[in-house]
Amino acid sequence: HVLCNTAGVGKGGGPLTSIEAFRATIDVNAFGPIHGCLAFVPRMKASGEPGLVVNTGSKQGITAPPGNAAYNCSKAFLKTYTEALEHDLRTTTDTMKAALLIPGWVNSSIMLKSKRDQALKEGVPFDPDSVFFSEAKPQPGAWMPDQVVDFMLQELDLGRFYIVCPDNDVTRAVDNARMTWAMQDITEDRPPLSRWHPDYKDKFTAFLKDVVPPSSSSSS
């Protein structure tokens, strides 16, 4: 039995956006998968048969880049929940496990739908061509959805929990460096989100050059 919780919305806002915007984003991105788990996981466990739960997170739930705090919070919420779910499953059953799918840049329609819904709410015309990328308007740096699925299946076969997808712009080595730097904001007593702090941006660039082999560098 396989449960994939992939519902997601890209809208949100900064840390002082309305509570309605926060709720709308977290309700879908975090509580959507949780509702799915509460509805199906107890039955999956009771069956005694092999089972897998895959929740779709985001790199923004780990590195939290400025610009969309509501979205980042929702995906950080889901990351923590999925980690707790995996711990519960591995300590209470021998037949089930969970995984966190962490896509890179994907030519999905999440941004298109978000902007379309916003235009509808405001009562203004919506032009799909105004959206930078989508499945119908793919960008070369992004993966197509089927590539994410193929990579996920490969990683699941290897027993991975954290399925960190690269894309055509960013390698796994660069992702690892970015996530390491983000965590070290705490352990090195730096300002939060120091990667974007004027006093640390050059230090991050130097760190990236030191830890990422030239063959694994990113163009972004």
N, C-alpha and C. Protein backbone atom coordinates (compact mmCIF):
# COMPACT_ATOMS: atom_id res chain seq x y z
N HIS A 1 0.85 -1.19 0.00
CA HIS A 1 0.00 0.00 0.00
C HIS A 1 0.89 1.24 0.00
N VAL A 2 0.57 2.19 -0.85
CA VAL A 2 1.37 3.42 -0.96
C VAL A 2 0.44 4.62 -0.84
N LEU A 3 0.80 5.54 0.03
CA LEU A 3 0.07 6.81 0.19
C LEU A 3 1.01 7.94 -0.18
N CYS A 4 0.64 8.72 -1.20
CA CYS A 4 1.43 9.88 -1.62
C CYS A 4 0.62 11.14 -1.35
N ASN A 5 1.12 11.98 -0.48
CA ASN A 5 0.48 13.26 -0.17
C ASN A 5 1.23 14.36 -0.91
N THR A 6 0.66 14.84 -2.00
CA THR A 6 1.36 15.80 -2.85
C THR A 6 0.65 17.13 -2.99
N ALA A 7 -0.48 17.32 -2.28
CA ALA A 7 -1.20 18.59 -2.41
C ALA A 7 -0.29 19.75 -2.02
N GLY A 8 -0.36 20.83 -2.78
CA GLY A 8 0.49 21.97 -2.46
C GLY A 8 0.03 23.23 -3.15
N VAL A 9 0.21 24.35 -2.48
CA VAL A 9 -0.03 25.66 -3.07
C VAL A 9 1.21 26.51 -2.87
N GLY A 10 1.50 27.35 -3.86
CA GLY A 10 2.71 28.16 -3.79
C GLY A 10 2.51 29.53 -3.19
N LYS A 11 1.25 29.94 -3.03
CA LYS A 11 0.99 31.28 -2.50
C LYS A 11 1.36 31.33 -1.03
N GLY A 12 1.36 32.51 -0.50
CA GLY A 12 1.71 32.70 0.90
C GLY A 12 2.00 34.16 1.14
N GLY A 13 3.20 34.47 1.58
CA GLY A 13 3.57 35.86 1.83
C GLY A 13 4.66 35.94 2.86
N GLY A 14 5.06 37.17 3.18
CA GLY A 14 6.12 37.41 4.14
C GLY A 14 5.68 37.18 5.57
N PRO A 15 6.58 37.40 6.53
CA PRO A 15 6.26 37.11 7.93
C PRO A 15 5.12 37.94 8.50
N LEU A 16 4.81 39.06 7.88
CA LEU A 16 3.71 39.90 8.36
C LEU A 16 2.51 39.87 7.42
N THR A 17 2.43 38.83 6.61
CA THR A 17 1.24 38.68 5.77
C THR A 17 0.04 38.35 6.64
N SER A 18 -1.13 38.36 6.07
CA SER A 18 -2.34 38.16 6.86
C SER A 18 -2.41 36.74 7.41
N ILE A 19 -3.11 36.61 8.53
CA ILE A 19 -3.28 35.28 9.12
C ILE A 19 -4.07 34.39 8.18
N GLU A 20 -4.95 35.00 7.37
CA GLU A 20 -5.71 34.22 6.40
C GLU A 20 -4.80 33.58 5.37
N ALA A 21 -3.79 34.33 4.92
CA ALA A 21 -2.85 33.79 3.94
C ALA A 21 -2.02 32.66 4.55
N PHE A 22 -1.59 32.85 5.80
CA PHE A 22 -0.85 31.78 6.47
C PHE A 22 -1.71 30.53 6.58
N ARG A 23 -2.94 30.71 7.03
CA ARG A 23 -3.82 29.56 7.22
C ARG A 23 -4.10 28.84 5.91
N ALA A 24 -4.35 29.62 4.85
CA ALA A 24 -4.65 29.00 3.56
C ALA A 24 -3.49 28.15 3.07
N THR A 25 -2.26 28.63 3.27
CA THR A 25 -1.08 27.90 2.82
C THR A 25 -0.79 26.69 3.69
N ILE A 26 -0.85 26.88 4.99
CA ILE A 26 -0.55 25.78 5.91
C ILE A 26 -1.65 24.73 5.88
N ASP A 27 -2.89 25.14 5.68
CA ASP A 27 -3.99 24.17 5.61
C ASP A 27 -3.77 23.17 4.49
N VAL A 28 -3.29 23.64 3.35
CA VAL A 28 -3.07 22.74 2.22
C VAL A 28 -1.73 22.02 2.34
N ASN A 29 -0.65 22.77 2.54
CA ASN A 29 0.69 22.19 2.46
C ASN A 29 1.07 21.32 3.66
N ALA A 30 0.52 21.61 4.81
CA ALA A 30 0.85 20.84 6.02
C ALA A 30 -0.32 19.99 6.49
N PHE A 31 -1.45 20.63 6.72
CA PHE A 31 -2.59 19.86 7.25
C PHE A 31 -3.19 18.93 6.19
N GLY A 32 -3.04 19.26 4.90
CA GLY A 32 -3.50 18.33 3.86
C GLY A 32 -2.85 16.97 4.01
N PRO A 33 -1.51 16.89 3.99
CA PRO A 33 -0.86 15.59 4.19
C PRO A 33 -1.17 14.96 5.54
N ILE A 34 -1.28 15.77 6.59
CA ILE A 34 -1.59 15.20 7.90
C ILE A 34 -2.97 14.56 7.90
N HIS A 35 -3.94 15.24 7.29
CA HIS A 35 -5.27 14.64 7.17
C HIS A 35 -5.19 13.33 6.40
N GLY A 36 -4.39 13.31 5.33
CA GLY A 36 -4.23 12.08 4.56
C GLY A 36 -3.66 10.95 5.41
N CYS A 37 -2.67 11.28 6.21
CA CYS A 37 -2.05 10.27 7.07
C CYS A 37 -3.03 9.77 8.14
N LEU A 38 -3.77 10.70 8.74
CA LEU A 38 -4.72 10.29 9.77
C LEU A 38 -5.83 9.42 9.20
N ALA A 39 -6.18 9.67 7.94
CA ALA A 39 -7.25 8.90 7.32
C ALA A 39 -6.82 7.50 6.91
N PHE A 40 -5.56 7.37 6.47
CA PHE A 40 -5.15 6.10 5.87
C PHE A 40 -4.11 5.30 6.65
N VAL A 41 -3.19 5.97 7.35
CA VAL A 41 -2.09 5.23 7.98
C VAL A 41 -2.58 4.25 9.04
N PRO A 42 -3.53 4.60 9.91
CA PRO A 42 -4.00 3.58 10.87
C PRO A 42 -4.53 2.33 10.20
N ARG A 43 -5.23 2.48 9.08
CA ARG A 43 -5.75 1.32 8.36
C ARG A 43 -4.61 0.53 7.71
N MET A 44 -3.62 1.26 7.20
CA MET A 44 -2.48 0.59 6.59
C MET A 44 -1.72 -0.22 7.63
N LYS A 45 -1.54 0.37 8.83
CA LYS A 45 -0.86 -0.35 9.90
C LYS A 45 -1.65 -1.58 10.32
N ALA A 46 -2.97 -1.42 10.43
CA ALA A 46 -3.81 -2.51 10.90
C ALA A 46 -3.81 -3.68 9.93
N SER A 47 -3.57 -3.41 8.67
CA SER A 47 -3.58 -4.50 7.67
C SER A 47 -2.41 -5.46 7.85
N GLY A 48 -1.33 -4.96 8.46
CA GLY A 48 -0.15 -5.79 8.65
C GLY A 48 0.65 -6.02 7.37
N GLU A 49 0.24 -5.37 6.30
CA GLU A 49 0.91 -5.53 5.02
C GLU A 49 1.92 -4.40 4.81
N PRO A 50 2.90 -4.59 3.91
CA PRO A 50 3.88 -3.54 3.66
C PRO A 50 3.21 -2.25 3.22
N GLY A 51 3.71 -1.12 3.73
CA GLY A 51 3.13 0.17 3.39
C GLY A 51 4.17 1.27 3.35
N LEU A 52 3.90 2.27 2.54
CA LEU A 52 4.81 3.40 2.38
C LEU A 52 4.01 4.69 2.31
N VAL A 53 4.48 5.71 3.03
CA VAL A 53 3.89 7.04 2.97
C VAL A 53 4.93 8.00 2.44
N VAL A 54 4.62 8.72 1.37
CA VAL A 54 5.52 9.73 0.81
C VAL A 54 4.84 11.09 0.91
N ASN A 55 5.43 11.98 1.68
CA ASN A 55 4.95 13.36 1.78
C ASN A 55 5.86 14.27 0.96
N THR A 56 5.27 15.17 0.21
CA THR A 56 6.06 16.06 -0.64
C THR A 56 6.39 17.35 0.09
N GLY A 57 7.66 17.52 0.42
CA GLY A 57 8.13 18.72 1.09
C GLY A 57 8.72 19.71 0.10
N SER A 58 9.73 20.42 0.53
CA SER A 58 10.38 21.42 -0.33
C SER A 58 11.72 21.80 0.28
N LYS A 59 12.66 22.14 -0.58
CA LYS A 59 13.94 22.65 -0.08
C LYS A 59 13.74 23.94 0.70
N GLN A 60 12.67 24.67 0.36
CA GLN A 60 12.39 25.91 1.08
C GLN A 60 11.98 25.64 2.52
N GLY A 61 11.56 24.43 2.82
CA GLY A 61 11.26 24.08 4.19
C GLY A 61 12.51 23.77 4.99
N ILE A 62 13.67 23.76 4.33
CA ILE A 62 14.95 23.49 4.99
C ILE A 62 15.83 24.73 5.00
N THR A 63 16.00 25.36 3.84
CA THR A 63 16.88 26.53 3.76
C THR A 63 16.13 27.85 3.94
N ALA A 64 14.79 27.85 3.79
CA ALA A 64 13.94 29.00 4.09
C ALA A 64 14.37 30.30 3.43
N PRO A 65 14.52 30.35 2.12
CA PRO A 65 14.94 31.60 1.47
C PRO A 65 13.90 32.70 1.68
N PRO A 66 14.36 33.94 1.82
CA PRO A 66 13.42 35.05 2.03
C PRO A 66 12.47 35.19 0.84
N GLY A 67 11.28 35.69 1.12
CA GLY A 67 10.33 35.97 0.05
C GLY A 67 8.97 35.33 0.21
N ASN A 68 8.91 34.18 0.88
CA ASN A 68 7.61 33.51 1.05
C ASN A 68 7.62 32.74 2.36
N ALA A 69 7.56 33.48 3.45
CA ALA A 69 7.65 32.86 4.78
C ALA A 69 6.53 31.87 5.03
N ALA A 70 5.32 32.18 4.55
CA ALA A 70 4.19 31.29 4.80
C ALA A 70 4.43 29.93 4.16
N TYR A 71 4.90 29.92 2.92
CA TYR A 71 5.20 28.67 2.23
C TYR A 71 6.32 27.93 2.94
N ASN A 72 7.40 28.65 3.29
CA ASN A 72 8.52 28.02 3.98
C ASN A 72 8.08 27.37 5.28
N CYS A 73 7.25 28.08 6.04
CA CYS A 73 6.76 27.54 7.32
C CYS A 73 5.95 26.28 7.09
N SER A 74 5.11 26.28 6.06
CA SER A 74 4.27 25.10 5.82
C SER A 74 5.11 23.89 5.48
N LYS A 75 6.18 24.08 4.73
CA LYS A 75 7.01 22.95 4.34
C LYS A 75 7.95 22.52 5.46
N ALA A 76 8.37 23.46 6.31
CA ALA A 76 9.15 23.08 7.49
C ALA A 76 8.28 22.28 8.46
N PHE A 77 7.03 22.69 8.59
CA PHE A 77 6.05 21.97 9.39
C PHE A 77 5.95 20.53 8.90
N LEU A 78 5.78 20.36 7.59
CA LEU A 78 5.61 19.02 7.02
C LEU A 78 6.86 18.17 7.17
N LYS A 79 8.03 18.78 7.04
CA LYS A 79 9.29 18.05 7.23
C LYS A 79 9.35 17.46 8.63
N THR A 80 9.07 18.28 9.63
CA THR A 80 9.13 17.81 11.02
C THR A 80 8.09 16.73 11.28
N TYR A 81 6.90 16.92 10.73
CA TYR A 81 5.85 15.91 10.91
C TYR A 81 6.26 14.58 10.28
N THR A 82 6.81 14.63 9.07
CA THR A 82 7.17 13.39 8.36
C THR A 82 8.31 12.68 9.07
N GLU A 83 9.25 13.43 9.62
CA GLU A 83 10.32 12.81 10.41
C GLU A 83 9.74 12.09 11.62
N ALA A 84 8.77 12.72 12.28
CA ALA A 84 8.14 12.09 13.44
C ALA A 84 7.34 10.86 13.03
N LEU A 85 6.68 10.95 11.87
CA LEU A 85 5.91 9.81 11.37
C LEU A 85 6.82 8.62 11.09
N GLU A 86 7.95 8.87 10.45
CA GLU A 86 8.89 7.78 10.16
C GLU A 86 9.39 7.15 11.44
N HIS A 87 9.70 7.96 12.45
CA HIS A 87 10.16 7.41 13.73
C HIS A 87 9.08 6.54 14.35
N ASP A 88 7.84 7.01 14.29
CA ASP A 88 6.73 6.23 14.86
C ASP A 88 6.57 4.91 14.12
N LEU A 89 6.62 4.96 12.80
CA LEU A 89 6.41 3.74 12.02
C LEU A 89 7.51 2.72 12.25
N ARG A 90 8.75 3.19 12.34
CA ARG A 90 9.84 2.22 12.50
C ARG A 90 9.91 1.65 13.91
N THR A 91 9.26 2.30 14.87
CA THR A 91 9.28 1.79 16.24
C THR A 91 8.00 1.04 16.61
N THR A 92 6.98 1.11 15.76
CA THR A 92 5.72 0.45 16.09
C THR A 92 5.32 -0.63 15.07
N THR A 93 6.04 -0.71 13.97
CA THR A 93 5.70 -1.71 12.96
C THR A 93 6.95 -2.13 12.20
N ASP A 94 6.93 -3.33 11.69
CA ASP A 94 8.03 -3.82 10.86
C ASP A 94 7.69 -3.76 9.39
N THR A 95 6.51 -3.24 9.06
CA THR A 95 6.03 -3.34 7.68
C THR A 95 5.87 -2.00 6.99
N MET A 96 6.00 -0.88 7.72
CA MET A 96 5.72 0.41 7.12
C MET A 96 6.88 1.38 7.30
N LYS A 97 6.96 2.32 6.38
CA LYS A 97 7.95 3.39 6.48
C LYS A 97 7.41 4.63 5.79
N ALA A 98 8.07 5.75 6.05
CA ALA A 98 7.71 7.03 5.44
C ALA A 98 8.92 7.60 4.73
N ALA A 99 8.67 8.52 3.82
CA ALA A 99 9.74 9.20 3.10
C ALA A 99 9.31 10.64 2.84
N LEU A 100 10.30 11.52 2.76
CA LEU A 100 10.05 12.93 2.47
C LEU A 100 10.64 13.25 1.10
N LEU A 101 9.76 13.51 0.15
CA LEU A 101 10.19 13.91 -1.20
C LEU A 101 10.48 15.40 -1.19
N ILE A 102 11.70 15.76 -1.60
CA ILE A 102 12.14 17.16 -1.57
C ILE A 102 12.54 17.55 -3.00
N PRO A 103 11.58 18.01 -3.80
CA PRO A 103 11.89 18.34 -5.19
C PRO A 103 12.80 19.57 -5.30
N GLY A 104 13.48 19.65 -6.44
CA GLY A 104 14.18 20.87 -6.78
C GLY A 104 13.25 21.76 -7.57
N TRP A 105 13.80 22.46 -8.54
CA TRP A 105 12.98 23.31 -9.40
C TRP A 105 12.27 22.39 -10.40
N VAL A 106 10.94 22.46 -10.42
CA VAL A 106 10.14 21.57 -11.26
C VAL A 106 9.20 22.40 -12.13
N ASN A 107 9.09 22.02 -13.37
CA ASN A 107 8.16 22.68 -14.29
C ASN A 107 6.73 22.19 -13.99
N SER A 108 6.24 22.57 -12.82
CA SER A 108 4.88 22.22 -12.42
C SER A 108 3.97 23.42 -12.64
N SER A 109 2.71 23.23 -12.36
CA SER A 109 1.74 24.32 -12.54
C SER A 109 1.39 25.02 -11.24
N ILE A 110 2.17 24.80 -10.19
CA ILE A 110 1.83 25.35 -8.88
C ILE A 110 1.84 26.88 -8.90
N MET A 111 2.81 27.49 -9.57
CA MET A 111 2.87 28.94 -9.62
C MET A 111 1.76 29.49 -10.52
N LEU A 112 1.52 28.83 -11.64
CA LEU A 112 0.47 29.27 -12.55
C LEU A 112 -0.88 29.28 -11.85
N LYS A 113 -1.19 28.22 -11.12
CA LYS A 113 -2.47 28.13 -10.44
C LYS A 113 -2.58 29.17 -9.32
N SER A 114 -1.47 29.41 -8.64
CA SER A 114 -1.48 30.41 -7.58
C SER A 114 -1.78 31.80 -8.12
N LYS A 115 -1.11 32.17 -9.21
CA LYS A 115 -1.33 33.48 -9.80
C LYS A 115 -2.71 33.58 -10.45
N ARG A 116 -3.17 32.48 -11.01
CA ARG A 116 -4.52 32.47 -11.59
C ARG A 116 -5.58 32.69 -10.52
N ASP A 117 -5.42 32.01 -9.39
CA ASP A 117 -6.38 32.16 -8.29
C ASP A 117 -6.36 33.58 -7.73
N GLN A 118 -5.15 34.17 -7.64
CA GLN A 118 -5.04 35.53 -7.13
C GLN A 118 -5.72 36.52 -8.07
N ALA A 119 -5.55 36.33 -9.38
CA ALA A 119 -6.20 37.21 -10.35
C ALA A 119 -7.71 37.08 -10.28
N LEU A 120 -8.19 35.85 -10.10
CA LEU A 120 -9.62 35.63 -9.97
C LEU A 120 -10.18 36.31 -8.73
N LYS A 121 -9.42 36.23 -7.64
CA LYS A 121 -9.84 36.86 -6.39
C LYS A 121 -9.91 38.37 -6.54
N GLU A 122 -8.98 38.94 -7.30
CA GLU A 122 -8.91 40.39 -7.47
C GLU A 122 -9.80 40.88 -8.61
N GLY A 123 -10.35 39.94 -9.38
CA GLY A 123 -11.22 40.30 -10.49
C GLY A 123 -10.50 40.95 -11.65
N VAL A 124 -9.25 40.52 -11.89
CA VAL A 124 -8.47 41.07 -12.99
C VAL A 124 -8.15 39.95 -13.97
N PRO A 125 -7.87 40.29 -15.25
CA PRO A 125 -7.54 39.26 -16.24
C PRO A 125 -6.26 38.52 -15.87
N PHE A 126 -6.19 37.27 -16.28
CA PHE A 126 -5.01 36.45 -16.03
C PHE A 126 -4.43 35.98 -17.35
N ASP A 127 -3.15 36.22 -17.54
CA ASP A 127 -2.45 35.79 -18.75
C ASP A 127 -1.47 34.68 -18.37
N PRO A 128 -1.72 33.45 -18.80
CA PRO A 128 -0.80 32.34 -18.46
C PRO A 128 0.64 32.60 -18.89
N ASP A 129 0.83 33.39 -19.94
CA ASP A 129 2.19 33.67 -20.41
C ASP A 129 2.96 34.56 -19.44
N SER A 130 2.24 35.18 -18.49
CA SER A 130 2.92 36.03 -17.51
C SER A 130 3.66 35.20 -16.46
N VAL A 131 3.37 33.91 -16.40
CA VAL A 131 4.02 33.02 -15.43
C VAL A 131 5.34 32.54 -16.02
N PHE A 132 6.39 32.60 -15.21
CA PHE A 132 7.74 32.31 -15.68
C PHE A 132 7.89 30.88 -16.16
N PHE A 133 7.26 29.93 -15.45
CA PHE A 133 7.41 28.52 -15.83
C PHE A 133 6.15 27.74 -15.46
N SER A 134 5.93 26.66 -16.18
CA SER A 134 4.85 25.73 -15.90
C SER A 134 5.11 24.50 -16.76
N GLU A 135 4.25 23.51 -16.63
CA GLU A 135 4.40 22.32 -17.47
C GLU A 135 4.29 22.68 -18.96
N ALA A 136 3.41 23.65 -19.24
CA ALA A 136 3.21 24.06 -20.63
C ALA A 136 4.27 25.05 -21.10
N LYS A 137 5.04 25.61 -20.16
CA LYS A 137 6.06 26.60 -20.48
C LYS A 137 7.34 26.23 -19.72
N PRO A 138 7.93 25.10 -20.02
CA PRO A 138 9.06 24.61 -19.24
C PRO A 138 10.32 25.46 -19.41
N GLN A 139 11.04 25.59 -18.31
CA GLN A 139 12.33 26.27 -18.33
C GLN A 139 13.43 25.22 -18.34
N PRO A 140 14.53 25.48 -19.05
CA PRO A 140 15.58 24.46 -19.20
C PRO A 140 16.26 24.08 -17.89
N GLY A 141 16.26 24.97 -16.91
CA GLY A 141 16.92 24.66 -15.64
C GLY A 141 16.13 23.75 -14.74
N ALA A 142 14.85 23.59 -15.04
CA ALA A 142 13.96 22.80 -14.18
C ALA A 142 13.74 21.40 -14.73
N TRP A 143 13.45 20.48 -13.83
CA TRP A 143 13.05 19.14 -14.22
C TRP A 143 11.57 19.12 -14.58
N MET A 144 11.18 18.14 -15.39
CA MET A 144 9.77 17.88 -15.62
C MET A 144 9.26 16.95 -14.51
N PRO A 145 7.96 16.97 -14.24
CA PRO A 145 7.43 16.15 -13.14
C PRO A 145 7.78 14.67 -13.24
N ASP A 146 7.80 14.12 -14.46
CA ASP A 146 8.10 12.69 -14.58
C ASP A 146 9.54 12.38 -14.18
N GLN A 147 10.44 13.35 -14.33
CA GLN A 147 11.82 13.13 -13.88
C GLN A 147 11.89 13.03 -12.35
N VAL A 148 11.08 13.84 -11.69
CA VAL A 148 11.03 13.77 -10.22
C VAL A 148 10.52 12.41 -9.78
N VAL A 149 9.49 11.91 -10.43
CA VAL A 149 8.93 10.60 -10.08
C VAL A 149 9.96 9.50 -10.30
N ASP A 150 10.65 9.54 -11.43
CA ASP A 150 11.66 8.51 -11.71
C ASP A 150 12.77 8.54 -10.66
N PHE A 151 13.21 9.75 -10.28
CA PHE A 151 14.27 9.87 -9.28
C PHE A 151 13.78 9.38 -7.93
N MET A 152 12.55 9.72 -7.59
CA MET A 152 11.97 9.28 -6.31
C MET A 152 11.97 7.76 -6.22
N LEU A 153 11.55 7.10 -7.29
CA LEU A 153 11.50 5.64 -7.28
C LEU A 153 12.88 5.03 -7.11
N GLN A 154 13.88 5.63 -7.76
CA GLN A 154 15.25 5.15 -7.61
C GLN A 154 15.72 5.29 -6.15
N GLU A 155 15.44 6.43 -5.54
CA GLU A 155 15.86 6.67 -4.16
C GLU A 155 15.12 5.77 -3.18
N LEU A 156 13.83 5.53 -3.44
CA LEU A 156 13.07 4.63 -2.58
C LEU A 156 13.65 3.22 -2.63
N ASP A 157 14.08 2.81 -3.82
CA ASP A 157 14.69 1.48 -3.95
C ASP A 157 15.97 1.38 -3.12
N LEU A 158 16.61 2.51 -2.88
CA LEU A 158 17.84 2.54 -2.08
C LEU A 158 17.54 2.72 -0.59
N GLY A 159 16.26 2.82 -0.25
CA GLY A 159 15.87 2.95 1.16
C GLY A 159 16.01 4.34 1.72
N ARG A 160 16.04 5.35 0.86
CA ARG A 160 16.21 6.73 1.34
C ARG A 160 14.95 7.24 2.03
N PHE A 161 15.14 8.03 3.08
CA PHE A 161 14.03 8.80 3.67
C PHE A 161 13.99 10.18 3.05
N TYR A 162 15.12 10.89 3.10
CA TYR A 162 15.20 12.22 2.49
C TYR A 162 15.51 12.06 1.00
N ILE A 163 14.54 12.36 0.16
CA ILE A 163 14.73 12.22 -1.28
C ILE A 163 14.94 13.62 -1.85
N VAL A 164 16.19 14.05 -1.86
CA VAL A 164 16.55 15.40 -2.28
C VAL A 164 16.84 15.39 -3.77
N CYS A 165 15.95 15.98 -4.54
CA CYS A 165 16.08 15.94 -6.00
C CYS A 165 16.96 17.09 -6.50
N PRO A 166 17.91 16.80 -7.36
CA PRO A 166 18.62 17.87 -8.06
C PRO A 166 17.71 18.39 -9.17
N ASP A 167 18.21 19.31 -9.96
CA ASP A 167 17.53 19.72 -11.19
C ASP A 167 18.60 20.05 -12.21
N ASN A 168 18.25 20.71 -13.28
CA ASN A 168 19.25 20.99 -14.31
C ASN A 168 20.13 22.19 -13.99
N ASP A 169 19.82 22.90 -12.90
CA ASP A 169 20.62 24.04 -12.48
C ASP A 169 21.42 23.76 -11.21
N VAL A 170 20.86 22.97 -10.31
CA VAL A 170 21.45 22.77 -8.98
C VAL A 170 21.73 21.30 -8.74
N THR A 171 22.98 20.99 -8.39
CA THR A 171 23.37 19.62 -8.12
C THR A 171 23.12 19.26 -6.66
N ARG A 172 23.20 17.98 -6.36
CA ARG A 172 23.04 17.54 -4.97
C ARG A 172 24.15 18.10 -4.09
N ALA A 173 25.34 18.23 -4.63
CA ALA A 173 26.45 18.78 -3.85
C ALA A 173 26.17 20.22 -3.43
N VAL A 174 25.60 21.00 -4.33
CA VAL A 174 25.25 22.38 -3.99
C VAL A 174 24.13 22.40 -2.96
N ASP A 175 23.13 21.54 -3.15
CA ASP A 175 22.04 21.46 -2.16
C ASP A 175 22.58 21.11 -0.78
N ASN A 176 23.49 20.14 -0.73
CA ASN A 176 24.07 19.75 0.56
C ASN A 176 24.78 20.92 1.22
N ALA A 177 25.52 21.68 0.42
CA ALA A 177 26.24 22.83 0.96
C ALA A 177 25.28 23.89 1.49
N ARG A 178 24.22 24.16 0.74
CA ARG A 178 23.23 25.15 1.18
C ARG A 178 22.55 24.72 2.47
N MET A 179 22.19 23.44 2.57
CA MET A 179 21.53 22.95 3.78
C MET A 179 22.49 22.96 4.97
N THR A 180 23.74 22.59 4.72
CA THR A 180 24.74 22.62 5.79
C THR A 180 24.94 24.04 6.30
N TRP A 181 25.05 25.00 5.39
CA TRP A 181 25.22 26.40 5.80
C TRP A 181 24.02 26.87 6.62
N ALA A 182 22.81 26.52 6.18
CA ALA A 182 21.61 26.93 6.91
C ALA A 182 21.62 26.40 8.33
N MET A 183 21.97 25.13 8.52
CA MET A 183 22.01 24.57 9.87
C MET A 183 23.12 25.22 10.70
N GLN A 184 24.22 25.57 10.05
CA GLN A 184 25.34 26.18 10.78
C GLN A 184 25.06 27.63 11.20
N ASP A 185 23.99 28.21 10.69
CA ASP A 185 23.59 29.51 11.24
C ASP A 185 23.37 29.39 12.74
N ILE A 186 22.87 28.23 13.18
CA ILE A 186 22.65 27.99 14.60
C ILE A 186 23.95 27.62 15.29
N THR A 187 24.65 26.62 14.76
CA THR A 187 25.84 26.12 15.45
C THR A 187 27.01 27.11 15.41
N GLU A 188 27.03 28.00 14.41
CA GLU A 188 28.09 28.99 14.31
C GLU A 188 27.66 30.36 14.84
N ASP A 189 26.45 30.43 15.40
CA ASP A 189 25.93 31.66 16.00
C ASP A 189 25.92 32.83 15.02
N ARG A 190 25.48 32.53 13.79
CA ARG A 190 25.33 33.58 12.79
C ARG A 190 23.91 34.12 12.81
N PRO A 191 23.67 35.25 12.13
CA PRO A 191 22.29 35.74 11.99
C PRO A 191 21.47 34.73 11.18
N PRO A 192 20.17 34.64 11.42
CA PRO A 192 19.36 33.73 10.61
C PRO A 192 19.37 34.14 9.15
N LEU A 193 19.27 33.13 8.29
CA LEU A 193 19.29 33.36 6.85
C LEU A 193 20.53 34.14 6.43
N SER A 194 21.65 33.79 7.03
CA SER A 194 22.89 34.54 6.78
C SER A 194 23.35 34.45 5.33
N ARG A 195 22.89 33.44 4.64
CA ARG A 195 23.26 33.30 3.22
C ARG A 195 22.87 34.55 2.43
N TRP A 196 21.84 35.24 2.88
CA TRP A 196 21.36 36.44 2.21
C TRP A 196 21.69 37.71 3.00
N HIS A 197 22.50 37.60 4.03
CA HIS A 197 22.89 38.74 4.87
C HIS A 197 24.10 39.42 4.22
N PRO A 198 24.10 40.75 4.12
CA PRO A 198 25.21 41.43 3.43
C PRO A 198 26.58 41.15 4.04
N ASP A 199 26.63 40.86 5.35
CA ASP A 199 27.92 40.59 5.98
C ASP A 199 28.40 39.16 5.76
N TYR A 200 27.54 38.30 5.22
CA TYR A 200 27.90 36.88 5.09
C TYR A 200 27.78 36.34 3.67
N LYS A 201 27.22 37.12 2.76
CA LYS A 201 27.02 36.61 1.40
C LYS A 201 28.33 36.16 0.75
N ASP A 202 29.38 36.97 0.90
CA ASP A 202 30.67 36.59 0.31
C ASP A 202 31.27 35.38 1.02
N LYS A 203 31.03 35.27 2.32
CA LYS A 203 31.53 34.12 3.06
C LYS A 203 30.84 32.84 2.60
N PHE A 204 29.55 32.96 2.32
CA PHE A 204 28.84 31.78 1.81
C PHE A 204 29.37 31.38 0.44
N THR A 205 29.63 32.36 -0.42
CA THR A 205 30.17 32.07 -1.74
C THR A 205 31.51 31.35 -1.63
N ALA A 206 32.36 31.81 -0.71
CA ALA A 206 33.66 31.17 -0.49
C ALA A 206 33.48 29.76 0.06
N PHE A 207 32.53 29.60 0.98
CA PHE A 207 32.23 28.28 1.55
C PHE A 207 31.79 27.31 0.46
N LEU A 208 30.95 27.79 -0.44
CA LEU A 208 30.45 26.96 -1.53
C LEU A 208 31.60 26.49 -2.42
N LYS A 209 32.52 27.38 -2.71
CA LYS A 209 33.67 27.02 -3.55
C LYS A 209 34.56 26.00 -2.85
N ASP A 210 34.65 26.09 -1.53
CA ASP A 210 35.51 25.19 -0.78
C ASP A 210 34.95 23.78 -0.70
N VAL A 211 33.63 23.66 -0.57
CA VAL A 211 33.05 22.34 -0.29
C VAL A 211 32.44 21.66 -1.51
N VAL A 212 32.23 22.40 -2.59
CA VAL A 212 31.62 21.80 -3.77
C VAL A 212 32.67 21.64 -4.86
N PRO A 213 32.90 20.42 -5.32
CA PRO A 213 33.87 20.20 -6.41
C PRO A 213 33.46 20.98 -7.66
N PRO A 214 34.41 21.49 -8.41
CA PRO A 214 34.07 22.27 -9.62
C PRO A 214 33.12 21.55 -10.56
N SER A 215 33.25 20.24 -10.66
CA SER A 215 32.39 19.48 -11.56
C SER A 215 30.96 19.39 -11.06
N SER A 216 30.75 19.74 -9.78
CA SER A 216 29.42 19.65 -9.19
C SER A 216 28.84 21.02 -8.89
N SER A 217 29.44 22.07 -9.44
CA SER A 217 28.98 23.43 -9.14
C SER A 217 27.67 23.70 -9.84
N SER A 218 27.01 24.79 -9.41
CA SER A 218 25.72 25.17 -9.95
C SER A 218 25.85 26.46 -10.71
N SER A 219 24.99 26.63 -11.70
CA SER A 219 24.99 27.87 -12.45
C SER A 219 24.11 28.93 -11.82
N SER A 220 23.43 28.56 -10.69
CA SER A 220 22.52 29.51 -10.05
C SER A 220 23.04 29.87 -8.66
